[in-house]
Each structure stands twice: as structure tokens, then as C-alpha cells.
Amino acid sequence: MNTEDRLTELEIRLTHLESGLDEISRLLLERDRAFEVLQGAHTQLLQRLQDMERATGVADGDAHEPPPHY
């Protein structure tokens, strides 16, 4: 294999690696966006739970304690 062929092979490999890196970056960006959506939903659910506990008069500590007969 001469120098020209080796250079061509390396350029092809580099192109494939760059393509793979672009795909991984795209997937990470999608996952990050999905995580942010889930994080927002989690925050909203926690807020709703706290609002419900306040509305029913249940204190934060009392809501998660087992009944006394346990």
C-alpha cells in the first residue's frame, strides 16, 4: 500500500468517525431535551403533591409515615 492509498484510507476512516460523532452528539442533544421535559414534569408533580397535602391538612412528615399499627 503506497502513501496515497494510506492517506485515502485514513480520510475515509476519519469521515466515518466524524459522521458517528455527529450522530452521537445529535442523540445526546435529544436525550438532554427529553430529560429537561421530564425534570419539569417531576417538579410540577411535586408541586401538585405539596398543594394537595396542604389542601387536605396533611403535614409533609405525616404523609409518608406508616400507620401506628405497623
Foldseek 3Di string as FASTA:
>chain_A
DDPVVVVVVVVVVVVVVVVVVVVVVVVVVVVVVVVVVVVVVVVVVVVVVVVVCVVVVHDPVRVPDDDPVD
